[in-house]
PDB file of all heavy atoms in Angstrom:
ATOM      1  N   MET A   1     107.013  76.097 109.801  1.00  0.00           N
ATOM      2  CA  MET A   1     105.564  76.233 109.738  1.00  0.00           C
ATOM      3  C   MET A   1     105.184  77.708 109.578  1.00  0.00           C
ATOM      4  O   MET A   1     105.471  78.517 110.460  1.00  0.00           O
ATOM      5  CB  MET A   1     104.944  75.672 111.012  1.00  0.00           C
ATOM      6  CG  MET A   1     103.424  75.597 110.952  1.00  0.00           C
ATOM      7  SD  MET A   1     102.878  74.274 109.865  1.00  0.00           S
ATOM      8  CE  MET A   1     103.474  72.848 110.793  1.00  0.00           C
ATOM      9  N   PRO A   2     104.559  78.079 108.454  1.00  0.00           N
ATOM     10  CA  PRO A   2     104.183  79.498 108.279  1.00  0.00           C
ATOM     11  C   PRO A   2     103.058  79.886 109.230  1.00  0.00           C
ATOM     12  O   PRO A   2     102.075  79.154 109.379  1.00  0.00           O
ATOM     13  CB  PRO A   2     103.728  79.550 106.817  1.00  0.00           C
ATOM     14  CG  PRO A   2     103.327  78.155 106.473  1.00  0.00           C
ATOM     15  CD  PRO A   2     104.186  77.256 107.297  1.00  0.00           C
ATOM     16  N   GLU A   3     103.206  81.030 109.872  1.00  0.00           N
ATOM     17  CA  GLU A   3     102.179  81.538 110.775  1.00  0.00           C
ATOM     18  C   GLU A   3     101.365  82.658 110.134  1.00  0.00           C
ATOM     19  O   GLU A   3     100.218  82.892 110.532  1.00  0.00           O
ATOM     20  CB  GLU A   3     102.822  82.041 112.069  1.00  0.00           C
ATOM     21  CG  GLU A   3     103.498  80.940 112.887  1.00  0.00           C
ATOM     22  CD  GLU A   3     104.059  81.461 114.201  1.00  0.00           C
ATOM     23  OE1 GLU A   3     103.882  82.665 114.486  1.00  0.00           O
ATOM     24  OE2 GLU A   3     104.664  80.669 114.935  1.00  0.00           O
ATOM     25  N   ASP A   4     101.951  83.354 109.183  1.00  0.00           N
ATOM     26  CA  ASP A   4     101.258  84.441 108.488  1.00  0.00           C
ATOM     27  C   ASP A   4     100.920  84.018 107.072  1.00  0.00           C
ATOM     28  O   ASP A   4     101.693  83.307 106.420  1.00  0.00           O
ATOM     29  CB  ASP A   4     102.124  85.702 108.454  1.00  0.00           C
ATOM     30  CG  ASP A   4     102.428  86.224 109.851  1.00  0.00           C
ATOM     31  OD1 ASP A   4     101.534  86.120 110.719  1.00  0.00           O
ATOM     32  OD2 ASP A   4     103.545  86.715 110.071  1.00  0.00           O
ATOM     33  N   LYS A   5      99.778  84.468 106.605  1.00  0.00           N
ATOM     34  CA  LYS A   5      99.345  84.128 105.250  1.00  0.00           C
ATOM     35  C   LYS A   5     100.257  84.773 104.204  1.00  0.00           C
ATOM     36  O   LYS A   5     100.849  85.839 104.435  1.00  0.00           O
ATOM     37  CB  LYS A   5      97.903  84.582 105.030  1.00  0.00           C
ATOM     38  CG  LYS A   5      97.721  86.095 105.066  1.00  0.00           C
ATOM     39  CD  LYS A   5      96.279  86.481 104.833  1.00  0.00           C
ATOM     40  CE  LYS A   5      96.074  87.978 104.988  1.00  0.00           C
ATOM     41  NZ  LYS A   5      96.799  88.786 104.012  1.00  0.00           N
ATOM     42  N   GLU A   6     100.375  84.141 103.067  1.00  0.00           N
ATOM     43  CA  GLU A   6     101.120  84.684 101.939  1.00  0.00           C
ATOM     44  C   GLU A   6     100.219  85.583 101.090  1.00  0.00           C
ATOM     45  O   GLU A   6     100.607  86.636 100.622  1.00  0.00           O
ATOM     46  CB  GLU A   6     101.687  83.555 101.090  1.00  0.00           C
ATOM     47  CG  GLU A   6     102.449  83.995  99.855  1.00  0.00           C
ATOM     48  CD  GLU A   6     103.716  84.757 100.187  1.00  0.00           C
ATOM     49  OE1 GLU A   6     104.249  84.596 101.303  1.00  0.00           O
ATOM     50  OE2 GLU A   6     104.180  85.529  99.324  1.00  0.00           O
ATOM     51  N   HIS A   7      99.025  85.150 100.859  1.00  0.00           N
ATOM     52  CA  HIS A   7      98.003  85.917 100.158  1.00  0.00           C
ATOM     53  C   HIS A   7      96.642  85.353 100.540  1.00  0.00           C
ATOM     54  O   HIS A   7      96.580  84.286 101.141  1.00  0.00           O
ATOM     55  CB  HIS A   7      98.223  85.910  98.634  1.00  0.00           C
ATOM     56  CG  HIS A   7      98.385  84.563  98.012  1.00  0.00           C
ATOM     57  ND1 HIS A   7      99.601  83.931  97.850  1.00  0.00           N
ATOM     58  CD2 HIS A   7      97.463  83.686  97.527  1.00  0.00           C
ATOM     59  CE1 HIS A   7      99.427  82.761  97.279  1.00  0.00           C
ATOM     60  NE2 HIS A   7      98.146  82.579  97.084  1.00  0.00           N
ATOM     61  N   PRO A   8      95.567  86.096 100.281  1.00  0.00           N
ATOM     62  CA  PRO A   8      95.473  87.301  99.446  1.00  0.00           C
ATOM     63  C   PRO A   8      95.911  88.563 100.180  1.00  0.00           C
ATOM     64  O   PRO A   8      95.834  88.624 101.410  1.00  0.00           O
ATOM     65  CB  PRO A   8      93.968  87.365  99.134  1.00  0.00           C
ATOM     66  CG  PRO A   8      93.321  86.735 100.319  1.00  0.00           C
ATOM     67  CD  PRO A   8      94.245  85.639 100.761  1.00  0.00           C
ATOM     68  N   LYS A   9      96.351  89.552  99.410  1.00  0.00           N
ATOM     69  CA  LYS A   9      96.692  90.864  99.948  1.00  0.00           C
ATOM     70  C   LYS A   9      95.409  91.700  99.961  1.00  0.00           C
ATOM     71  O   LYS A   9      95.105  92.428  99.017  1.00  0.00           O
ATOM     72  CB  LYS A   9      97.769  91.535  99.101  1.00  0.00           C
ATOM     73  CG  LYS A   9      98.987  90.666  98.821  1.00  0.00           C
ATOM     74  CD  LYS A   9      99.766  90.368 100.085  1.00  0.00           C
ATOM     75  CE  LYS A   9     101.059  89.598  99.767  1.00  0.00           C
ATOM     76  NZ  LYS A   9     101.795  89.223 100.981  1.00  0.00           N
ATOM     77  N   ARG A  10      94.659  91.572 101.036  1.00  0.00           N
ATOM     78  CA  ARG A  10      93.304  92.145 101.064  1.00  0.00           C
ATOM     79  C   ARG A  10      93.320  93.666 100.948  1.00  0.00           C
ATOM     80  O   ARG A  10      92.472  94.252 100.259  1.00  0.00           O
ATOM     81  CB  ARG A  10      92.589  91.703 102.340  1.00  0.00           C
ATOM     82  CG  ARG A  10      92.294  90.208 102.349  1.00  0.00           C
ATOM     83  CD  ARG A  10      91.401  89.804 103.506  1.00  0.00           C
ATOM     84  NE  ARG A  10      91.047  88.398 103.407  1.00  0.00           N
ATOM     85  CZ  ARG A  10      91.749  87.403 103.932  1.00  0.00           C
ATOM     86  NH1 ARG A  10      92.848  87.678 104.613  1.00  0.00           N
ATOM     87  NH2 ARG A  10      91.366  86.153 103.782  1.00  0.00           N
ATOM     88  N   ALA A  11      94.233  94.332 101.620  1.00  0.00           N
ATOM     89  CA  ALA A  11      94.294  95.799 101.544  1.00  0.00           C
ATOM     90  C   ALA A  11      94.566  96.250 100.112  1.00  0.00           C
ATOM     91  O   ALA A  11      93.945  97.194  99.616  1.00  0.00           O
ATOM     92  CB  ALA A  11      95.366  96.329 102.484  1.00  0.00           C
ATOM     93  N   MET A  12      95.479  95.547  99.430  1.00  0.00           N
ATOM     94  CA  MET A  12      95.807  95.906  98.051  1.00  0.00           C
ATOM     95  C   MET A  12      94.620  95.670  97.130  1.00  0.00           C
ATOM     96  O   MET A  12      94.354  96.461  96.214  1.00  0.00           O
ATOM     97  CB  MET A  12      97.013  95.089  97.579  1.00  0.00           C
ATOM     98  CG  MET A  12      97.541  95.489  96.212  1.00  0.00           C
ATOM     99  SD  MET A  12      98.103  97.208  96.160  1.00  0.00           S
ATOM    100  CE  MET A  12      99.502  97.124  97.282  1.00  0.00           C
ATOM    101  N   ILE A  13      93.886  94.564  97.352  1.00  0.00           N
ATOM    102  CA  ILE A  13      92.697  94.277  96.544  1.00  0.00           C
ATOM    103  C   ILE A  13      91.676  95.403  96.691  1.00  0.00           C
ATOM    104  O   ILE A  13      91.091  95.867  95.712  1.00  0.00           O
ATOM    105  CB  ILE A  13      92.083  92.928  96.961  1.00  0.00           C
ATOM    106  CG1 ILE A  13      93.003  91.777  96.561  1.00  0.00           C
ATOM    107  CG2 ILE A  13      90.707  92.733  96.326  1.00  0.00           C
ATOM    108  CD1 ILE A  13      92.553  90.415  97.065  1.00  0.00           C
ATOM    109  N   CYS A  14      91.459  95.851  97.944  1.00  0.00           N
ATOM    110  CA  CYS A  14      90.489  96.924  98.201  1.00  0.00           C
ATOM    111  C   CYS A  14      90.922  98.233  97.549  1.00  0.00           C
ATOM    112  O   CYS A  14      90.094  98.943  96.945  1.00  0.00           O
ATOM    113  CB  CYS A  14      90.304  97.119  99.699  1.00  0.00           C
ATOM    114  SG  CYS A  14      89.559  95.699 100.534  1.00  0.00           S
ATOM    115  N   ILE A  15      92.199  98.558  97.652  1.00  0.00           N
ATOM    116  CA  ILE A  15      92.702  99.809  97.067  1.00  0.00           C
ATOM    117  C   ILE A  15      92.576  99.792  95.556  1.00  0.00           C
ATOM    118  O   ILE A  15      92.074 100.745  94.940  1.00  0.00           O
ATOM    119  CB  ILE A  15      94.166 100.047  97.491  1.00  0.00           C
ATOM    120  CG1 ILE A  15      94.244 100.340  99.001  1.00  0.00           C
ATOM    121  CG2 ILE A  15      94.782 101.191  96.692  1.00  0.00           C
ATOM    122  CD1 ILE A  15      95.653 100.349  99.548  1.00  0.00           C
ATOM    123  N   ILE A  16      93.023  98.701  94.936  1.00  0.00           N
ATOM    124  CA  ILE A  16      92.973  98.603  93.471  1.00  0.00           C
ATOM    125  C   ILE A  16      91.528  98.597  92.985  1.00  0.00           C
ATOM    126  O   ILE A  16      91.179  99.263  92.002  1.00  0.00           O
ATOM    127  CB  ILE A  16      93.714  97.341  92.998  1.00  0.00           C
ATOM    128  CG1 ILE A  16      95.217  97.478  93.280  1.00  0.00           C
ATOM    129  CG2 ILE A  16      93.476  97.095  91.511  1.00  0.00           C
ATOM    130  CD1 ILE A  16      96.022  96.236  92.982  1.00  0.00           C
ATOM    131  N   GLY A  17      90.658  97.842  93.673  1.00  0.00           N
ATOM    132  CA  GLY A  17      89.251  97.799  93.282  1.00  0.00           C
ATOM    133  C   GLY A  17      88.592  99.161  93.361  1.00  0.00           C
ATOM    134  O   GLY A  17      87.824  99.556  92.466  1.00  0.00           O
ATOM    135  N   THR A  18      88.897  99.905  94.425  1.00  0.00           N
ATOM    136  CA  THR A  18      88.329 101.242  94.581  1.00  0.00           C
ATOM    137  C   THR A  18      88.852 102.195  93.509  1.00  0.00           C
ATOM    138  O   THR A  18      88.088 102.990  92.938  1.00  0.00           O
ATOM    139  CB  THR A  18      88.668 101.803  95.978  1.00  0.00           C
ATOM    140  OG1 THR A  18      88.185 100.905  96.980  1.00  0.00           O
ATOM    141  CG2 THR A  18      88.025 103.165  96.184  1.00  0.00           C
ATOM    142  N   LEU A  19      90.140 102.105  93.213  1.00  0.00           N
ATOM    143  CA  LEU A  19      90.724 102.960  92.170  1.00  0.00           C
ATOM    144  C   LEU A  19      90.111 102.664  90.804  1.00  0.00           C
ATOM    145  O   LEU A  19      89.794 103.591  90.041  1.00  0.00           O
ATOM    146  CB  LEU A  19      92.243 102.755  92.120  1.00  0.00           C
ATOM    147  CG  LEU A  19      93.056 103.417  93.236  1.00  0.00           C
ATOM    148  CD1 LEU A  19      94.522 103.017  93.132  1.00  0.00           C
ATOM    149  CD2 LEU A  19      92.915 104.936  93.199  1.00  0.00           C
ATOM    150  N   ILE A  20      89.947 101.383  90.495  1.00  0.00           N
ATOM    151  CA  ILE A  20      89.348 101.014  89.207  1.00  0.00           C
ATOM    152  C   ILE A  20      87.918 101.537  89.121  1.00  0.00           C
ATOM    153  O   ILE A  20      87.497 102.083  88.101  1.00  0.00           O
ATOM    154  CB  ILE A  20      89.378  99.482  89.024  1.00  0.00           C
ATOM    155  CG1 ILE A  20      90.821  99.005  88.838  1.00  0.00           C
ATOM    156  CG2 ILE A  20      88.528  99.060  87.831  1.00  0.00           C
ATOM    157  CD1 ILE A  20      90.979  97.504  88.797  1.00  0.00           C
ATOM    158  N   GLY A  21      87.166 101.377  90.229  1.00  0.00           N
ATOM    159  CA  GLY A  21      85.805 101.900  90.248  1.00  0.00           C
ATOM    160  C   GLY A  21      85.764 103.404  90.075  1.00  0.00           C
ATOM    161  O   GLY A  21      84.900 103.938  89.355  1.00  0.00           O
ATOM    162  N   GLY A  22      86.717 104.114  90.720  1.00  0.00           N
ATOM    163  CA  GLY A  22      86.776 105.562  90.581  1.00  0.00           C
ATOM    164  C   GLY A  22      87.084 105.990  89.164  1.00  0.00           C
ATOM    165  O   GLY A  22      86.459 106.925  88.634  1.00  0.00           O
ATOM    166  N   ILE A  23      88.025 105.302  88.542  1.00  0.00           N
ATOM    167  CA  ILE A  23      88.393 105.652  87.158  1.00  0.00           C
ATOM    168  C   ILE A  23      87.227 105.394  86.208  1.00  0.00           C
ATOM    169  O   ILE A  23      86.928 106.206  85.323  1.00  0.00           O
ATOM    170  CB  ILE A  23      89.643 104.843  86.733  1.00  0.00           C
ATOM    171  CG1 ILE A  23      90.866 105.308  87.529  1.00  0.00           C
ATOM    172  CG2 ILE A  23      89.894 104.993  85.234  1.00  0.00           C
ATOM    173  CD1 ILE A  23      92.072 104.420  87.368  1.00  0.00           C
ATOM    174  N   ILE A  24      86.566 104.241  86.383  1.00  0.00           N
ATOM    175  CA  ILE A  24      85.411 103.919  85.524  1.00  0.00           C
ATOM    176  C   ILE A  24      84.299 104.944  85.711  1.00  0.00           C
ATOM    177  O   ILE A  24      83.636 105.364  84.747  1.00  0.00           O
ATOM    178  CB  ILE A  24      84.898 102.500  85.838  1.00  0.00           C
ATOM    179  CG1 ILE A  24      85.933 101.463  85.401  1.00  0.00           C
ATOM    180  CG2 ILE A  24      83.559 102.233  85.141  1.00  0.00           C
ATOM    181  CD1 ILE A  24      85.591 100.037  85.778  1.00  0.00           C
ATOM    182  N   SER A  25      84.086 105.389  86.965  1.00  0.00           N
ATOM    183  CA  SER A  25      83.031 106.379  87.224  1.00  0.00           C
ATOM    184  C   SER A  25      83.351 107.720  86.560  1.00  0.00           C
ATOM    185  O   SER A  25      82.457 108.394  86.024  1.00  0.00           O
ATOM    186  CB  SER A  25      82.846 106.556  88.736  1.00  0.00           C
ATOM    187  OG  SER A  25      83.971 107.190  89.325  1.00  0.00           O
ATOM    188  N   LEU A  26      84.614 108.120  86.573  1.00  0.00           N
ATOM    189  CA  LEU A  26      85.009 109.385  85.923  1.00  0.00           C
ATOM    190  C   LEU A  26      84.811 109.302  84.408  1.00  0.00           C
ATOM    191  O   LEU A  26      84.306 110.244  83.779  1.00  0.00           O
ATOM    192  CB  LEU A  26      86.464 109.705  86.244  1.00  0.00           C
ATOM    193  CG  LEU A  26      86.790 110.044  87.708  1.00  0.00           C
ATOM    194  CD1 LEU A  26      88.294 110.226  87.882  1.00  0.00           C
ATOM    195  CD2 LEU A  26      86.049 111.294  88.167  1.00  0.00           C
ATOM    196  N   ILE A  27      85.213 108.159  83.841  1.00  0.00           N
ATOM    197  CA  ILE A  27      85.038 107.968  82.395  1.00  0.00           C
ATOM    198  C   ILE A  27      83.551 107.955  82.044  1.00  0.00           C
ATOM    199  O   ILE A  27      83.122 108.540  81.044  1.00  0.00           O
ATOM    200  CB  ILE A  27      85.733 106.669  81.940  1.00  0.00           C
ATOM    201  CG1 ILE A  27      87.246 106.784  82.121  1.00  0.00           C
ATOM    202  CG2 ILE A  27      85.396 106.362  80.482  1.00  0.00           C
ATOM    203  CD1 ILE A  27      88.000 105.492  81.875  1.00  0.00           C
TER     204      ILE A  27
END
């Protein structure tokens, strides 16, 4: 019985989303 979730990887989603937003803002 799994006790820990497999996904979503929330920290990774936040990091990638912030990076994409930063890159778009610079462009």
